[in-house]
C-alpha atoms as a PDB file:
ATOM      1  CA  UNK A   1     -35.270 -58.227  66.427  1.00  0.00           C
ATOM      2  CA  UNK A   2     -35.189 -61.849  65.988  1.00  0.00           C
ATOM      3  CA  UNK A   3     -33.412 -62.979  62.673  1.00  0.00           C
ATOM      4  CA  UNK A   4     -35.302 -65.501  60.534  1.00  0.00           C
ATOM      5  CA  UNK A   5     -33.717 -68.583  59.854  1.00  0.00           C
ATOM      6  CA  UNK A   6     -33.386 -69.820  55.819  1.00  0.00           C
ATOM      7  CA  UNK A   7     -35.782 -72.467  56.407  1.00  0.00           C
ATOM      8  CA  UNK A   8     -38.437 -69.927  58.155  1.00  0.00           C
ATOM      9  CA  UNK A   9     -37.985 -67.364  54.944  1.00  0.00           C
ATOM     10  CA  UNK A  10     -38.465 -70.109  52.396  1.00  0.00           C
ATOM     11  CA  UNK A  11     -41.657 -71.553  54.069  1.00  0.00           C
ATOM     12  CA  UNK A  12     -43.517 -68.234  54.054  1.00  0.00           C
ATOM     13  CA  UNK A  13     -46.689 -68.551  52.616  1.00  0.00           C
ATOM     14  CA  UNK A  14     -49.062 -65.665  51.352  1.00  0.00           C
ATOM     15  CA  UNK A  15     -50.708 -65.021  54.430  1.00  0.00           C
ATOM     16  CA  UNK A  16     -47.623 -65.091  56.346  1.00  0.00           C
ATOM     17  CA  UNK A  17     -46.216 -62.310  53.930  1.00  0.00           C
ATOM     18  CA  UNK A  18     -49.487 -60.211  54.122  1.00  0.00           C
ATOM     19  CA  UNK A  19     -49.537 -60.395  58.098  1.00  0.00           C
ATOM     20  CA  UNK A  20     -45.786 -59.146  58.091  1.00  0.00           C
ATOM     21  CA  UNK A  21     -46.752 -56.223  55.637  1.00  0.00           C
ATOM     22  CA  UNK A  22     -49.654 -55.331  57.841  1.00  0.00           C
ATOM     23  CA  UNK A  23     -47.642 -55.135  61.034  1.00  0.00           C
ATOM     24  CA  UNK A  24     -45.999 -52.266  62.677  1.00  0.00           C
ATOM     25  CA  UNK A  25     -42.457 -51.574  62.713  1.00  0.00           C
ATOM     26  CA  UNK A  26     -40.035 -49.539  64.667  1.00  0.00           C
ATOM     27  CA  UNK A  27     -38.238 -46.535  62.842  1.00  0.00           C
ATOM     28  CA  UNK A  28     -34.502 -47.209  63.109  1.00  0.00           C
ATOM     29  CA  UNK A  29     -32.587 -44.960  65.138  1.00  0.00           C
ATOM     30  CA  UNK A  30     -28.995 -44.217  65.951  1.00  0.00           C
ATOM     31  CA  UNK A  31     -27.097 -41.735  68.093  1.00  0.00           C
ATOM     32  CA  UNK A  32     -23.871 -40.495  66.464  1.00  0.00           C
ATOM     33  CA  UNK A  33     -21.489 -38.151  68.130  1.00  0.00           C
ATOM     34  CA  UNK A  34     -20.161 -34.852  66.547  1.00  0.00           C
ATOM     35  CA  UNK A  35     -16.798 -34.684  68.281  1.00  0.00           C
ATOM     36  CA  UNK A  36     -15.674 -31.527  67.334  1.00  0.00           C
ATOM     37  CA  UNK A  37     -18.823 -29.842  69.142  1.00  0.00           C
ATOM     38  CA  UNK A  38     -18.795 -32.493  71.849  1.00  0.00           C
ATOM     39  CA  UNK A  39     -22.532 -33.279  71.050  1.00  0.00           C
ATOM     40  CA  UNK A  40     -24.594 -36.443  70.667  1.00  0.00           C
ATOM     41  CA  UNK A  41     -27.327 -36.410  67.774  1.00  0.00           C
ATOM     42  CA  UNK A  42     -29.976 -39.089  67.738  1.00  0.00           C
ATOM     43  CA  UNK A  43     -31.076 -39.575  64.429  1.00  0.00           C
ATOM     44  CA  UNK A  44     -34.109 -41.698  63.056  1.00  0.00           C
ATOM     45  CA  UNK A  45     -34.970 -43.134  59.449  1.00  0.00           C
ATOM     46  CA  UNK A  46     -37.023 -41.184  57.260  1.00  0.00           C
ATOM     47  CA  UNK A  47     -39.916 -42.274  55.201  1.00  0.00           C
ATOM     48  CA  UNK A  48     -40.299 -42.126  51.423  1.00  0.00           C
ATOM     49  CA  UNK A  49     -43.115 -39.506  51.957  1.00  0.00           C
ATOM     50  CA  UNK A  50     -40.854 -37.268  54.533  1.00  0.00           C
ATOM     51  CA  UNK A  51     -37.959 -37.234  52.206  1.00  0.00           C
ATOM     52  CA  UNK A  52     -40.153 -36.255  49.109  1.00  0.00           C
ATOM     53  CA  UNK A  53     -41.683 -33.432  51.228  1.00  0.00           C
ATOM     54  CA  UNK A  54     -37.987 -32.185  52.048  1.00  0.00           C
ATOM     55  CA  UNK A  55     -37.051 -32.567  48.192  1.00  0.00           C
ATOM     56  CA  UNK A  56     -40.241 -30.592  47.267  1.00  0.00           C
ATOM     57  CA  UNK A  57     -39.204 -27.958  49.623  1.00  0.00           C
ATOM     58  CA  UNK A  58     -35.832 -27.817  48.432  1.00  0.00           C
ATOM     59  CA  UNK A  59     -36.314 -27.804  44.811  1.00  0.00           C
ATOM     60  CA  UNK A  60     -36.593 -24.318  43.198  1.00  0.00           C
ATOM     61  CA  UNK A  61     -37.958 -23.174  39.593  1.00  0.00           C
ATOM     62  CA  UNK A  62     -35.322 -21.162  37.747  1.00  0.00           C
ATOM     63  CA  UNK A  63     -35.008 -20.016  33.974  1.00  0.00           C
ATOM     64  CA  UNK A  64     -32.166 -21.504  32.040  1.00  0.00           C
ATOM     65  CA  UNK A  65     -30.168 -19.390  29.199  1.00  0.00           C
ATOM     66  CA  UNK A  66     -32.499 -20.468  26.610  1.00  0.00           C
ATOM     67  CA  UNK A  67     -35.487 -19.102  28.646  1.00  0.00           C
ATOM     68  CA  UNK A  68     -36.697 -22.566  29.037  1.00  0.00           C
ATOM     69  CA  UNK A  69     -37.892 -22.908  33.103  1.00  0.00           C
ATOM     70  CA  UNK A  70     -36.283 -26.063  34.849  1.00  0.00           C
ATOM     71  CA  UNK A  71     -36.454 -27.594  38.369  1.00  0.00           C
ATOM     72  CA  UNK A  72     -33.195 -27.597  40.298  1.00  0.00           C
ATOM     73  CA  UNK A  73     -32.749 -29.339  43.482  1.00  0.00           C
ATOM     74  CA  UNK A  74     -30.351 -27.399  46.249  1.00  0.00           C
ATOM     75  CA  UNK A  75     -28.469 -30.126  47.459  1.00  0.00           C
ATOM     76  CA  UNK A  76     -27.124 -28.357  50.463  1.00  0.00           C
ATOM     77  CA  UNK A  77     -30.434 -27.192  51.465  1.00  0.00           C
ATOM     78  CA  UNK A  78     -31.723 -31.012  51.169  1.00  0.00           C
ATOM     79  CA  UNK A  79     -29.070 -32.256  53.152  1.00  0.00           C
ATOM     80  CA  UNK A  80     -29.773 -29.734  55.860  1.00  0.00           C
ATOM     81  CA  UNK A  81     -33.423 -30.336  55.680  1.00  0.00           C
ATOM     82  CA  UNK A  82     -32.717 -34.317  56.201  1.00  0.00           C
ATOM     83  CA  UNK A  83     -30.747 -33.494  59.295  1.00  0.00           C
ATOM     84  CA  UNK A  84     -33.468 -31.150  60.856  1.00  0.00           C
ATOM     85  CA  UNK A  85     -36.187 -33.588  60.125  1.00  0.00           C
ATOM     86  CA  UNK A  86     -34.124 -36.890  61.122  1.00  0.00           C
ATOM     87  CA  UNK A  87     -32.798 -35.308  64.718  1.00  0.00           C
ATOM     88  CA  UNK A  88     -35.058 -36.492  67.648  1.00  0.00           C
ATOM     89  CA  UNK A  89     -33.273 -35.344  70.751  1.00  0.00           C
ATOM     90  CA  UNK A  90     -33.469 -31.516  70.394  1.00  0.00           C
ATOM     91  CA  UNK A  91     -35.270 -28.939  67.978  1.00  0.00           C
ATOM     92  CA  UNK A  92     -33.153 -27.068  65.301  1.00  0.00           C
ATOM     93  CA  UNK A  93     -35.628 -24.568  64.965  1.00  0.00           C
ATOM     94  CA  UNK A  94     -35.108 -23.578  68.729  1.00  0.00           C
ATOM     95  CA  UNK A  95     -35.320 -19.733  68.697  1.00  0.00           C
ATOM     96  CA  UNK A  96     -32.467 -19.365  71.320  1.00  0.00           C
ATOM     97  CA  UNK A  97     -30.275 -21.836  68.793  1.00  0.00           C
ATOM     98  CA  UNK A  98     -31.192 -19.521  65.995  1.00  0.00           C
ATOM     99  CA  UNK A  99     -30.831 -16.309  67.675  1.00  0.00           C
ATOM    100  CA  UNK A 100     -27.156 -17.381  68.816  1.00  0.00           C
ATOM    101  CA  UNK A 101     -26.189 -17.649  65.008  1.00  0.00           C
ATOM    102  CA  UNK A 102     -28.560 -15.098  63.340  1.00  0.00           C
ATOM    103  CA  UNK A 103     -30.171 -18.085  61.248  1.00  0.00           C
ATOM    104  CA  UNK A 104     -33.658 -17.928  59.821  1.00  0.00           C
ATOM    105  CA  UNK A 105     -34.200 -21.458  60.439  1.00  0.00           C
ATOM    106  CA  UNK A 106     -32.628 -25.039  61.379  1.00  0.00           C
ATOM    107  CA  UNK A 107     -31.359 -25.481  57.929  1.00  0.00           C
ATOM    108  CA  UNK A 108     -29.535 -22.477  57.906  1.00  0.00           C
ATOM    109  CA  UNK A 109     -27.928 -22.882  61.380  1.00  0.00           C
ATOM    110  CA  UNK A 110     -26.943 -26.191  60.261  1.00  0.00           C
ATOM    111  CA  UNK A 111     -25.155 -24.885  57.111  1.00  0.00           C
ATOM    112  CA  UNK A 112     -23.468 -22.020  58.955  1.00  0.00           C
ATOM    113  CA  UNK A 113     -22.377 -24.011  62.174  1.00  0.00           C
ATOM    114  CA  UNK A 114     -21.589 -27.766  60.804  1.00  0.00           C
ATOM    115  CA  UNK A 115     -18.653 -28.474  58.707  1.00  0.00           C
ATOM    116  CA  UNK A 116     -19.325 -29.802  55.238  1.00  0.00           C
ATOM    117  CA  UNK A 117     -17.913 -33.592  56.206  1.00  0.00           C
ATOM    118  CA  UNK A 118     -20.019 -33.222  59.176  1.00  0.00           C
ATOM    119  CA  UNK A 119     -23.107 -32.896  57.311  1.00  0.00           C
ATOM    120  CA  UNK A 120     -22.287 -35.397  54.702  1.00  0.00           C
ATOM    121  CA  UNK A 121     -21.665 -37.917  57.469  1.00  0.00           C
ATOM    122  CA  UNK A 122     -25.071 -36.990  59.166  1.00  0.00           C
ATOM    123  CA  UNK A 123     -26.679 -37.242  55.811  1.00  0.00           C
ATOM    124  CA  UNK A 124     -25.284 -40.631  55.051  1.00  0.00           C
ATOM    125  CA  UNK A 125     -26.375 -42.259  58.190  1.00  0.00           C
ATOM    126  CA  UNK A 126     -29.727 -40.705  57.952  1.00  0.00           C
ATOM    127  CA  UNK A 127     -30.032 -42.271  54.294  1.00  0.00           C
ATOM    128  CA  UNK A 128     -28.678 -45.460  55.991  1.00  0.00           C
ATOM    129  CA  UNK A 129     -31.432 -45.337  58.630  1.00  0.00           C
ATOM    130  CA  UNK A 130     -33.972 -44.861  55.878  1.00  0.00           C
ATOM    131  CA  UNK A 131     -32.998 -48.067  54.003  1.00  0.00           C
ATOM    132  CA  UNK A 132     -30.737 -46.786  51.392  1.00  0.00           C
ATOM    133  CA  UNK A 133     -27.589 -48.592  50.905  1.00  0.00           C
ATOM    134  CA  UNK A 134     -29.223 -51.752  52.394  1.00  0.00           C
ATOM    135  CA  UNK A 135     -28.702 -54.593  50.259  1.00  0.00           C
ATOM    136  CA  UNK A 136     -31.698 -57.026  49.443  1.00  0.00           C
ATOM    137  CA  UNK A 137     -30.650 -60.716  50.061  1.00  0.00           C
ATOM    138  CA  UNK A 138     -31.704 -62.648  47.098  1.00  0.00           C
ATOM    139  CA  UNK A 139     -33.437 -65.821  47.585  1.00  0.00           C
ATOM    140  CA  UNK A 140     -30.862 -67.908  45.414  1.00  0.00           C
ATOM    141  CA  UNK A 141     -28.139 -66.901  48.267  1.00  0.00           C
ATOM    142  CA  UNK A 142     -30.434 -68.088  50.921  1.00  0.00           C
ATOM    143  CA  UNK A 143     -31.355 -71.384  48.994  1.00  0.00           C
ATOM    144  CA  UNK A 144     -27.559 -71.834  48.558  1.00  0.00           C
ATOM    145  CA  UNK A 145     -26.140 -71.355  52.078  1.00  0.00           C
END
């Protein structure tokens, strides 16, 4: 993607901004290598809607000691769900894969076969591709450069 110059950014009019917002964009992807297993994983960024759906699937209602009901996110299940949704070069829910580990779904397979650090690194990469940890450049920085 071609980077805009500071002058181009500062001279954008409302119609230019609207045209860009209504355009189509490719979802960012990256291929990472799990060295221990010798496999490449191609990951894509996820939309807010996709992440919210995974979060909802991984949130459980439970009663606290005082008898009050509260929602609780299962962080491990959420991380595995992100990996399942973001992987594009194969299907974690493939029946042969699940049978080999006696897993009920791709999330359970990931939790059984990948190390905690591998899951964390993959989750971090997915969130990065999804726009998290991206710092927005302030216009003052552009004006002063």
